[in-house]
Amino acid sequence: MSVAERKKIVATDMDVPDDLAKKVDGAGRGRYALMQLDRLNDHEKEEVEVLVLQSSPRVTTGLFEALPNLKVLQSMSAGVDFIDFSAVPAHVVVCSNGGAFGEPIAEHVFAMILYFGRNLVRNHGLVRGGTLDHPADGMFLRGKTIGIIGTGGIGQSVARAAKGFNMRTMGINTSGRPVENFDAVWGMDHLDDLLKQSDVVVIALPLNLKTRHLITAQRLGLMKEDCILVNVARGGIIAQDALYAHLKAHPRFRAGIDVWWRYPQKGESFSLDFPFFDLPNFLASPHNADAVPEALGLGQEHAFENVIRYLDGEPLGRVIDKTDYP
């Protein structure tokens, strides 16, 4: 069947491996063609039904005007807070790529937990300075409680990894429904209870109108004095000023942060509103928890699996409630 004979187009702004492209072309009884967005002519743009997009800044009113018959926008990103939802027409369904990068992110989470839990930098400094003492103050993860706020793909991957350390896994989601590898899952109304009980807290839920500044000074105060807090979701879920004040006032409390409140524009340097880097109980990484060579492939497989379900007439997964976003 020639491209001209195909009724609809799945467009993307990425180079897609041949084997994955063949899966897309073979879905929906062969009624769709996968094509590069930037190579479409005006007639072909009118035939685009699904768009798989890596570059969120491309989501503008002009994009939808150029693709008048678009029905589904599949993001390559797990988080969709960077999308300008005011530009998205009401009839266009938006899907996140949540869970695509769960496994590499979970590894990063535990790298941060073990960095703090086993005092790696301090002990390295002792040995380098000629002191071979054996301070017995490391955290033994077995039997400890890890509270995971968000039980989607990332949260589930963190819970699976935690079970490898024989930890007690507690989760928070919007419904309180049970999730595999979690010993208990509660609704958001039990968030404070989870914070009080957890030895480690991991933030793994989307940033939206309901979750911005979810972790306030009051909620930081509920956590254990020696809790390890790891954020691999979005910076805005934690109040920046509250976190700095809490870390400074509670030196046994530790925070590993991979996501930030503000990202530098072109030509700018990265900066924070408070001197976090003066604190020994603070660890930063440059929003690269999923930065492994396999990440692009994992993301594409996950995104296009959802698209293929749609092409085959099955329900879409990870559909975004646009009312949750400004």
Protein backbone atom coordinates (compact mmCIF):
# COMPACT_ATOMS: atom_id res chain seq x y z
CA MET A 1 0.00 0.00 0.00
CA SER A 2 1.48 3.35 -1.00
CA VAL A 3 1.63 6.31 1.38
CA ALA A 4 -0.86 8.09 -0.83
CA GLU A 5 -3.39 5.25 -0.29
CA ARG A 6 -3.06 5.30 3.48
CA LYS A 7 -5.84 7.12 5.24
CA LYS A 8 -3.99 8.48 8.28
CA ILE A 9 -0.51 9.45 9.46
CA VAL A 10 1.34 9.00 12.75
CA ALA A 11 3.84 11.87 12.83
CA THR A 12 6.88 12.31 15.04
CA ASP A 13 9.80 14.70 15.46
CA MET A 14 12.25 11.83 16.13
CA ASP A 15 14.24 9.34 14.11
CA VAL A 16 12.62 5.98 14.89
CA PRO A 17 14.43 2.63 14.54
CA ASP A 18 13.26 0.56 11.57
CA ASP A 19 11.92 -2.32 13.67
CA LEU A 20 9.75 0.04 15.74
CA ALA A 21 8.59 1.91 12.64
CA LYS A 22 7.48 -1.41 11.10
CA LYS A 23 5.41 -2.17 14.20
CA VAL A 24 3.63 1.17 13.85
CA ASP A 25 3.09 0.72 10.11
CA GLY A 26 1.69 -2.77 10.75
CA ALA A 27 -0.78 -1.64 13.39
CA GLY A 28 -4.38 -0.66 12.73
CA ARG A 29 -4.63 -3.13 9.83
CA GLY A 30 -2.04 -1.15 7.90
CA ARG A 31 -4.16 1.98 7.72
CA TYR A 32 -1.44 4.28 9.14
CA ALA A 33 2.02 5.45 8.06
CA LEU A 34 4.71 6.70 10.42
CA MET A 35 6.28 9.86 9.03
CA GLN A 36 8.63 12.64 10.09
CA LEU A 37 6.74 15.77 11.12
CA ASP A 38 9.19 18.17 9.49
CA ARG A 39 8.97 16.35 6.15
CA LEU A 40 5.21 16.53 5.74
CA ASN A 41 3.65 18.62 3.02
CA ASP A 42 0.44 20.57 3.62
CA HIS A 43 -1.79 17.75 2.36
CA GLU A 44 -0.06 15.18 4.56
CA LYS A 45 -0.40 17.42 7.62
CA GLU A 46 -4.17 17.24 7.18
CA GLU A 47 -3.94 13.43 7.48
CA VAL A 48 -2.06 13.41 10.80
CA GLU A 49 -4.17 11.73 13.48
CA VAL A 50 -1.45 10.96 16.06
CA LEU A 51 1.65 12.97 16.98
CA VAL A 52 4.50 11.56 19.07
CA LEU A 53 6.52 14.53 20.23
CA GLN A 54 9.88 14.79 21.96
CA SER A 55 10.16 18.58 21.97
CA SER A 56 7.53 20.09 24.29
CA PRO A 57 8.25 23.70 23.17
CA ARG A 58 6.79 22.75 19.80
CA VAL A 59 3.33 22.55 21.40
CA THR A 60 1.89 25.85 20.19
CA THR A 61 -1.36 27.04 18.69
CA GLY A 62 0.40 27.06 15.33
CA LEU A 63 1.17 23.35 15.61
CA PHE A 64 -2.49 22.45 15.97
CA GLU A 65 -3.53 24.84 13.23
CA ALA A 66 -1.11 23.02 10.93
CA LEU A 67 -2.50 19.61 12.03
CA PRO A 68 -6.25 20.26 11.94
CA ASN A 69 -7.30 16.60 12.26
CA LEU A 70 -4.98 15.61 15.09
CA LYS A 71 -6.68 13.48 17.76
CA VAL A 72 -3.85 12.23 19.99
CA LEU A 73 -0.69 13.92 21.26
CA GLN A 74 1.70 11.39 22.81
CA SER A 75 4.52 13.02 24.79
CA MET A 76 7.93 11.41 25.07
CA SER A 77 8.31 12.96 28.51
CA ALA A 78 6.99 11.32 31.67
CA GLY A 79 6.10 14.78 33.01
CA VAL A 80 3.89 17.04 30.92
CA ASP A 81 4.00 20.23 32.99
CA PHE A 82 6.19 21.86 30.32
CA ILE A 83 3.35 21.67 27.80
CA ASP A 84 1.35 24.82 27.15
CA PHE A 85 -2.09 23.29 27.67
CA SER A 86 -3.80 26.54 26.73
CA ALA A 87 -2.67 25.83 23.17
CA VAL A 88 -4.10 22.28 23.09
CA PRO A 89 -7.57 22.04 21.53
CA ALA A 90 -10.26 20.42 23.67
CA HIS A 91 -10.67 17.46 21.29
CA VAL A 92 -6.98 16.48 21.37
CA VAL A 93 -6.16 13.76 23.90
CA VAL A 94 -2.76 14.19 25.58
CA CYS A 95 -0.86 11.16 26.91
CA SER A 96 2.24 11.22 29.08
CA ASN A 97 5.10 8.73 28.84
CA GLY A 98 5.00 7.98 32.55
CA GLY A 99 6.98 4.89 33.54
CA ALA A 100 9.14 4.82 30.42
CA PHE A 101 12.29 5.66 32.37
CA GLY A 102 11.32 4.05 35.68
CA GLU A 103 14.16 1.56 35.94
CA PRO A 104 17.13 3.88 35.35
CA ILE A 105 15.50 6.50 37.59
CA ALA A 106 15.04 3.92 40.36
CA GLU A 107 18.75 3.10 40.16
CA HIS A 108 19.52 6.81 40.54
CA VAL A 109 17.20 7.03 43.55
CA PHE A 110 19.10 4.26 45.30
CA ALA A 111 22.44 5.79 44.37
CA MET A 112 21.35 8.87 46.32
CA ILE A 113 19.96 6.83 49.20
CA LEU A 114 23.17 4.84 49.57
CA TYR A 115 25.32 7.96 49.19
CA PHE A 116 23.69 9.34 52.31
CA GLY A 117 22.85 6.11 54.10
CA ARG A 118 26.41 4.85 54.05
CA ASN A 119 28.09 8.27 54.53
CA LEU A 120 30.24 7.66 51.46
CA VAL A 121 31.75 11.12 51.06
CA ARG A 122 32.54 11.52 54.75
CA ASN A 123 34.13 8.08 54.98
CA HIS A 124 36.14 8.67 51.83
CA GLY A 125 37.47 11.86 53.42
CA LEU A 126 38.44 10.01 56.59
CA VAL A 127 40.40 7.38 54.69
CA ARG A 128 42.02 9.95 52.42
CA GLY A 129 43.10 11.83 55.53
CA GLY A 130 44.72 8.74 57.02
CA THR A 131 41.95 7.76 59.47
CA LEU A 132 40.80 4.16 59.24
CA ASP A 133 38.13 4.21 61.92
CA HIS A 134 34.93 2.20 61.58
CA PRO A 135 32.02 4.48 62.55
CA ALA A 136 28.94 2.25 62.86
CA ASP A 137 26.40 4.89 61.87
CA GLY A 138 25.36 3.75 58.40
CA MET A 139 21.71 3.05 57.53
CA PHE A 140 20.83 -0.66 57.19
CA LEU A 141 18.02 -0.63 54.63
CA ARG A 142 16.52 -3.99 55.56
CA GLY A 143 13.34 -3.44 57.51
CA LYS A 144 13.33 0.32 56.96
CA THR A 145 10.24 2.02 55.54
CA ILE A 146 10.42 3.76 52.19
CA GLY A 147 7.50 6.07 51.49
CA ILE A 148 6.94 6.62 47.77
CA ILE A 149 4.68 9.51 46.82
CA GLY A 150 3.33 8.47 43.44
CA THR A 151 2.82 4.81 42.47
CA GLY A 152 3.06 5.20 38.70
CA GLY A 153 5.87 3.77 36.59
CA ILE A 154 8.72 5.44 38.49
CA GLY A 155 7.20 4.71 41.88
CA GLN A 156 6.67 1.07 40.96
CA SER A 157 10.28 0.73 39.78
CA VAL A 158 11.51 2.27 43.04
CA ALA A 159 9.31 -0.13 45.02
CA ARG A 160 10.67 -3.15 43.12
CA ALA A 161 14.23 -2.04 43.82
CA ALA A 162 13.37 -1.44 47.49
CA LYS A 163 12.10 -5.00 47.79
CA GLY A 164 15.58 -6.13 46.74
CA PHE A 165 16.84 -4.45 49.92
CA ASN A 166 14.01 -6.03 51.97
CA MET A 167 12.50 -2.64 52.76
CA ARG A 168 8.90 -1.99 53.77
CA THR A 169 7.25 -0.18 50.88
CA MET A 170 4.48 2.36 51.45
CA GLY A 171 2.84 4.33 48.66
CA ILE A 172 0.57 7.28 48.05
CA ASN A 173 -1.67 7.66 45.02
CA THR A 174 -4.88 9.51 44.25
CA SER A 175 -7.16 6.50 44.68
CA GLY A 176 -5.51 4.46 47.44
CA ARG A 177 -5.75 1.39 45.19
CA PRO A 178 -3.26 -1.46 45.82
CA VAL A 179 -0.17 -1.62 43.59
CA GLU A 180 2.25 -4.51 43.12
CA ASN A 181 5.43 -4.41 45.26
CA PHE A 182 3.84 -2.03 47.77
CA ASP A 183 3.07 -3.37 51.23
CA ALA A 184 0.42 -0.68 51.59
CA VAL A 185 -0.96 2.12 49.43
CA TRP A 186 -2.95 5.04 50.81
CA GLY A 187 -4.81 7.95 49.27
CA MET A 188 -3.54 11.52 49.44
CA ASP A 189 -5.49 12.09 52.64
CA HIS A 190 -2.95 9.85 54.41
CA LEU A 191 0.15 11.64 53.09
CA ASP A 192 1.03 13.03 56.52
CA ASP A 193 0.86 9.54 58.04
CA LEU A 194 3.27 8.22 55.43
CA LEU A 195 5.72 11.06 56.03
CA LYS A 196 5.76 10.37 59.77
CA GLN A 197 6.49 6.66 59.32
CA SER A 198 9.08 6.74 56.54
CA ASP A 199 12.84 6.45 56.92
CA VAL A 200 13.20 7.36 53.24
CA VAL A 201 10.76 9.49 51.22
CA VAL A 202 10.81 9.45 47.41
CA ILE A 203 8.79 11.92 45.34
CA ALA A 204 7.66 10.37 42.06
CA LEU A 205 4.41 12.05 41.04
CA PRO A 206 3.57 14.69 38.40
CA LEU A 207 3.70 18.41 39.03
CA ASN A 208 0.28 19.96 38.49
CA LEU A 209 -2.13 22.33 40.19
CA LYS A 210 -2.82 19.76 42.92
CA THR A 211 0.80 18.88 43.72
CA ARG A 212 2.66 22.21 43.51
CA HIS A 213 4.27 22.87 46.91
CA LEU A 214 2.80 19.63 48.22
CA ILE A 215 5.83 19.33 50.51
CA THR A 216 5.67 22.40 52.75
CA ALA A 217 7.58 23.39 55.87
CA GLN A 218 4.85 21.78 57.94
CA ARG A 219 5.17 18.47 56.08
CA LEU A 220 8.96 18.51 56.24
CA GLY A 221 8.54 18.89 59.99
CA LEU A 222 6.53 15.67 60.10
CA MET A 223 9.41 13.61 58.73
CA LYS A 224 11.91 11.77 60.88
CA GLU A 225 14.93 13.74 62.05
CA ASP A 226 17.27 11.53 60.01
CA CYS A 227 15.00 10.95 57.01
CA ILE A 228 16.44 10.81 53.50
CA LEU A 229 14.29 12.72 50.99
CA VAL A 230 14.82 12.12 47.25
CA ASN A 231 13.03 14.10 44.54
CA VAL A 232 13.15 12.74 40.97
CA ALA A 233 9.78 14.20 39.94
CA ARG A 234 9.62 18.00 39.66
CA GLY A 235 11.22 20.73 41.76
CA GLY A 236 8.00 22.66 42.34
CA ILE A 237 6.49 19.82 44.38
CA ILE A 238 8.73 20.93 47.27
CA ALA A 239 8.71 24.50 48.57
CA GLN A 240 12.30 25.62 47.95
CA ASP A 241 12.58 28.02 50.88
CA ALA A 242 11.11 25.45 53.26
CA LEU A 243 13.54 22.74 52.16
CA TYR A 244 16.58 24.96 52.63
CA ALA A 245 15.46 26.08 56.07
CA HIS A 246 14.75 22.51 57.12
CA LEU A 247 18.10 21.17 55.92
CA LYS A 248 19.95 23.97 57.68
CA ALA A 249 18.06 23.49 60.94
CA HIS A 250 18.15 19.67 60.88
CA PRO A 251 21.65 18.49 59.90
CA ARG A 252 20.71 14.81 60.20
CA PHE A 253 17.96 15.25 57.61
CA ARG A 254 19.26 14.70 54.07
CA ALA A 255 17.95 15.56 50.61
CA GLY A 256 18.96 14.29 47.17
CA ILE A 257 17.54 16.50 44.41
CA ASP A 258 17.59 15.74 40.68
CA VAL A 259 14.87 18.19 39.57
CA TRP A 260 14.85 21.95 39.98
CA TRP A 261 12.70 24.98 40.59
CA ARG A 262 14.13 26.96 37.71
CA TYR A 263 16.20 25.95 34.72
CA PRO A 264 18.70 28.33 33.07
CA GLN A 265 17.79 29.92 29.79
CA LYS A 266 20.29 29.99 26.96
CA GLY A 267 23.46 31.75 28.07
CA GLU A 268 22.58 31.62 31.78
CA SER A 269 24.26 29.65 34.53
CA PHE A 270 22.33 27.40 36.85
CA SER A 271 21.51 28.98 40.19
CA LEU A 272 19.31 28.48 43.24
CA ASP A 273 17.57 31.02 45.44
CA PHE A 274 19.31 29.68 48.55
CA PRO A 275 22.89 28.47 49.23
CA PHE A 276 22.06 24.75 49.24
CA PHE A 277 25.57 23.84 48.17
CA ASP A 278 26.97 25.11 51.47
CA LEU A 279 25.10 22.31 53.23
CA PRO A 280 26.71 18.89 53.75
CA ASN A 281 23.31 17.17 53.89
CA PHE A 282 22.39 18.18 50.34
CA LEU A 283 23.12 16.25 47.13
CA ALA A 284 22.42 17.51 43.60
CA SER A 285 22.32 15.95 40.15
CA PRO A 286 21.53 17.80 36.90
CA HIS A 287 18.10 16.30 36.10
CA ASN A 288 19.79 13.24 34.67
CA ALA A 289 18.30 10.39 36.70
CA ASP A 290 17.29 8.70 33.43
CA ALA A 291 20.48 9.63 31.55
CA VAL A 292 21.69 6.27 30.31
CA PRO A 293 22.43 5.37 26.66
CA GLU A 294 19.37 3.15 26.58
CA ALA A 295 16.96 5.91 27.65
CA LEU A 296 15.86 7.07 24.19
CA GLY A 297 15.07 3.52 23.12
CA LEU A 298 13.14 2.84 26.32
CA GLY A 299 11.15 6.03 25.87
CA GLN A 300 10.32 5.38 22.23
CA GLU A 301 9.21 1.80 22.87
CA HIS A 302 6.98 2.93 25.73
CA ALA A 303 5.43 5.83 23.81
CA PHE A 304 4.77 3.90 20.61
CA GLU A 305 3.32 0.92 22.48
CA ASN A 306 0.60 3.31 23.63
CA VAL A 307 0.14 4.62 20.10
CA ILE A 308 -0.12 1.08 18.71
CA ARG A 309 -2.86 0.29 21.22
CA TYR A 310 -4.79 3.28 19.92
CA LEU A 311 -4.26 2.31 16.28
CA ASP A 312 -5.56 -1.20 17.07
CA GLY A 313 -8.69 0.22 18.66
CA GLU A 314 -7.69 -0.34 22.28
CA PRO A 315 -7.97 2.28 25.06
CA LEU A 316 -5.11 4.75 25.41
CA GLY A 317 -3.04 4.66 28.57
CA ARG A 318 -1.66 7.52 30.65
CA VAL A 319 -4.29 10.02 29.46
CA ILE A 320 -3.79 13.43 31.05
CA ASP A 321 -6.58 15.33 32.76
CA LYS A 322 -5.96 18.75 31.24
CA THR A 323 -7.86 20.47 34.04
CA ASP A 324 -4.99 19.58 36.38
CA TYR A 325 -2.70 21.96 34.50
CA PRO A 326 -2.73 25.74 34.17
